[in-house]
C-alpha atoms as a PDB file:
ATOM      1  CA  UNK A   1      62.810 -30.895  -8.368  1.00  0.00           C
ATOM      2  CA  UNK A   2      60.508 -28.386 -10.114  1.00  0.00           C
ATOM      3  CA  UNK A   3      59.866 -25.022  -8.504  1.00  0.00           C
ATOM      4  CA  UNK A   4      56.612 -23.286  -9.296  1.00  0.00           C
ATOM      5  CA  UNK A   5      55.857 -19.662  -8.704  1.00  0.00           C
ATOM      6  CA  UNK A   6      52.887 -19.052  -6.512  1.00  0.00           C
ATOM      7  CA  UNK A   7      50.051 -16.935  -7.877  1.00  0.00           C
ATOM      8  CA  UNK A   8      48.744 -16.182  -4.402  1.00  0.00           C
ATOM      9  CA  UNK A   9      50.321 -12.700  -4.121  1.00  0.00           C
ATOM     10  CA  UNK A  10      48.786 -11.664  -7.453  1.00  0.00           C
ATOM     11  CA  UNK A  11      45.376 -12.991  -6.447  1.00  0.00           C
ATOM     12  CA  UNK A  12      45.515 -11.257  -3.082  1.00  0.00           C
ATOM     13  CA  UNK A  13      46.479  -7.951  -4.736  1.00  0.00           C
ATOM     14  CA  UNK A  14      43.591  -8.243  -7.215  1.00  0.00           C
ATOM     15  CA  UNK A  15      41.163  -8.992  -4.396  1.00  0.00           C
ATOM     16  CA  UNK A  16      42.349  -6.017  -2.341  1.00  0.00           C
ATOM     17  CA  UNK A  17      42.086  -3.637  -5.298  1.00  0.00           C
ATOM     18  CA  UNK A  18      38.556  -4.751  -6.119  1.00  0.00           C
ATOM     19  CA  UNK A  19      37.548  -4.548  -2.444  1.00  0.00           C
ATOM     20  CA  UNK A  20      38.859  -0.991  -2.120  1.00  0.00           C
ATOM     21  CA  UNK A  21      37.044   0.072  -5.309  1.00  0.00           C
ATOM     22  CA  UNK A  22      33.811  -1.463  -4.014  1.00  0.00           C
ATOM     23  CA  UNK A  23      34.322   0.265  -0.672  1.00  0.00           C
ATOM     24  CA  UNK A  24      34.773   3.640  -2.373  1.00  0.00           C
ATOM     25  CA  UNK A  25      31.571   3.109  -4.367  1.00  0.00           C
ATOM     26  CA  UNK A  26      29.695   2.172  -1.199  1.00  0.00           C
ATOM     27  CA  UNK A  27      30.902   5.336   0.544  1.00  0.00           C
ATOM     28  CA  UNK A  28      29.787   7.419  -2.444  1.00  0.00           C
ATOM     29  CA  UNK A  29      26.337   5.785  -2.451  1.00  0.00           C
ATOM     30  CA  UNK A  30      26.012   6.402   1.292  1.00  0.00           C
ATOM     31  CA  UNK A  31      27.006  10.046   0.888  1.00  0.00           C
ATOM     32  CA  UNK A  32      24.479  10.466  -1.944  1.00  0.00           C
ATOM     33  CA  UNK A  33      21.700   9.042   0.230  1.00  0.00           C
ATOM     34  CA  UNK A  34      22.712  11.361   3.087  1.00  0.00           C
ATOM     35  CA  UNK A  35      22.613  14.376   0.772  1.00  0.00           C
ATOM     36  CA  UNK A  36      19.159  13.300  -0.450  1.00  0.00           C
ATOM     37  CA  UNK A  37      17.939  13.053   3.147  1.00  0.00           C
ATOM     38  CA  UNK A  38      19.297  16.536   3.874  1.00  0.00           C
ATOM     39  CA  UNK A  39      17.652  17.927   0.749  1.00  0.00           C
ATOM     40  CA  UNK A  40      14.279  16.373   1.631  1.00  0.00           C
ATOM     41  CA  UNK A  41      14.596  17.463   5.253  1.00  0.00           C
ATOM     42  CA  UNK A  42      11.896  15.127   6.564  1.00  0.00           C
ATOM     43  CA  UNK A  43      11.986  12.738   9.499  1.00  0.00           C
ATOM     44  CA  UNK A  44      11.082   9.915   7.116  1.00  0.00           C
ATOM     45  CA  UNK A  45      14.102  10.695   4.900  1.00  0.00           C
ATOM     46  CA  UNK A  46      16.495  10.636   7.860  1.00  0.00           C
ATOM     47  CA  UNK A  47      14.949   7.454   9.221  1.00  0.00           C
ATOM     48  CA  UNK A  48      15.262   5.818   5.783  1.00  0.00           C
ATOM     49  CA  UNK A  49      18.982   6.679   5.845  1.00  0.00           C
ATOM     50  CA  UNK A  50      19.232   5.088   9.321  1.00  0.00           C
ATOM     51  CA  UNK A  51      17.522   1.915   8.127  1.00  0.00           C
ATOM     52  CA  UNK A  52      20.024   1.597   5.263  1.00  0.00           C
ATOM     53  CA  UNK A  53      23.099   2.710   7.254  1.00  0.00           C
ATOM     54  CA  UNK A  54      22.510   2.154  10.990  1.00  0.00           C
ATOM     55  CA  UNK A  55      26.247   2.546  11.693  1.00  0.00           C
ATOM     56  CA  UNK A  56      26.993   4.886   8.789  1.00  0.00           C
ATOM     57  CA  UNK A  57      29.174   7.962   8.754  1.00  0.00           C
ATOM     58  CA  UNK A  58      26.168  10.252   9.189  1.00  0.00           C
ATOM     59  CA  UNK A  59      24.072   8.019  11.479  1.00  0.00           C
ATOM     60  CA  UNK A  60      24.344  10.239  14.549  1.00  0.00           C
ATOM     61  CA  UNK A  61      23.453  13.327  12.509  1.00  0.00           C
ATOM     62  CA  UNK A  62      20.520  11.499  10.906  1.00  0.00           C
ATOM     63  CA  UNK A  63      19.244  10.463  14.331  1.00  0.00           C
ATOM     64  CA  UNK A  64      19.620  14.017  15.614  1.00  0.00           C
ATOM     65  CA  UNK A  65      17.721  15.456  12.651  1.00  0.00           C
ATOM     66  CA  UNK A  66      14.958  12.883  12.959  1.00  0.00           C
ATOM     67  CA  UNK A  67      14.495  13.675  16.650  1.00  0.00           C
ATOM     68  CA  UNK A  68      14.588  17.461  16.068  1.00  0.00           C
ATOM     69  CA  UNK A  69      11.873  17.222  13.433  1.00  0.00           C
ATOM     70  CA  UNK A  70       9.717  14.847  15.509  1.00  0.00           C
ATOM     71  CA  UNK A  71       9.972  17.115  18.583  1.00  0.00           C
ATOM     72  CA  UNK A  72       9.209  20.355  16.719  1.00  0.00           C
ATOM     73  CA  UNK A  73       7.604  19.695  13.309  1.00  0.00           C
ATOM     74  CA  UNK A  74       7.151  23.427  12.680  1.00  0.00           C
ATOM     75  CA  UNK A  75      10.844  24.220  13.108  1.00  0.00           C
ATOM     76  CA  UNK A  76      11.519  24.072   9.384  1.00  0.00           C
ATOM     77  CA  UNK A  77      13.728  20.995   9.457  1.00  0.00           C
ATOM     78  CA  UNK A  78      17.045  19.909  10.829  1.00  0.00           C
ATOM     79  CA  UNK A  79      19.566  22.373  12.203  1.00  0.00           C
ATOM     80  CA  UNK A  80      22.254  20.679  10.073  1.00  0.00           C
ATOM     81  CA  UNK A  81      20.672  21.935   6.849  1.00  0.00           C
ATOM     82  CA  UNK A  82      22.469  24.819   5.138  1.00  0.00           C
ATOM     83  CA  UNK A  83      21.120  28.188   6.222  1.00  0.00           C
ATOM     84  CA  UNK A  84      19.707  26.901   9.499  1.00  0.00           C
ATOM     85  CA  UNK A  85      20.995  26.876  13.015  1.00  0.00           C
ATOM     86  CA  UNK A  86      22.289  29.669  15.220  1.00  0.00           C
ATOM     87  CA  UNK A  87      23.821  32.783  13.674  1.00  0.00           C
ATOM     88  CA  UNK A  88      27.580  33.078  13.474  1.00  0.00           C
ATOM     89  CA  UNK A  89      29.324  34.401  16.572  1.00  0.00           C
ATOM     90  CA  UNK A  90      29.920  38.130  16.670  1.00  0.00           C
ATOM     91  CA  UNK A  91      33.543  39.010  17.435  1.00  0.00           C
ATOM     92  CA  UNK A  92      34.271  42.379  19.012  1.00  0.00           C
ATOM     93  CA  UNK A  93      37.806  43.666  19.480  1.00  0.00           C
ATOM     94  CA  UNK A  94      38.357  44.728  23.106  1.00  0.00           C
ATOM     95  CA  UNK A  95      41.958  45.761  23.566  1.00  0.00           C
ATOM     96  CA  UNK A  96      44.179  42.684  23.597  1.00  0.00           C
ATOM     97  CA  UNK A  97      41.325  40.214  23.875  1.00  0.00           C
ATOM     98  CA  UNK A  98      38.476  39.171  21.632  1.00  0.00           C
ATOM     99  CA  UNK A  99      35.090  38.703  23.266  1.00  0.00           C
ATOM    100  CA  UNK A 100      32.382  36.476  21.785  1.00  0.00           C
ATOM    101  CA  UNK A 101      29.033  38.149  22.159  1.00  0.00           C
ATOM    102  CA  UNK A 102      25.647  36.462  21.522  1.00  0.00           C
END
């Protein structure tokens, strides 16, 4: 009787390594496209991201930005863009408590 070693574990390991590398590249490409959409700051850019990644990591943010821009085109873009959105909360020391004032 001749016993042969199976190559299946080696093949499975190679497949898993290549799949994880491809997955990391896909995530990087998606993140690059998201950053491009943020930089452009147009509804079309966010909608293009949604067409390419309808269930992507930034899909809900892209939808939000697209809607914000469509509702108020003169707003200057999405509130997720750096430098936009509400000002930081003002913290005032009041004895033992800290109050957040608008």
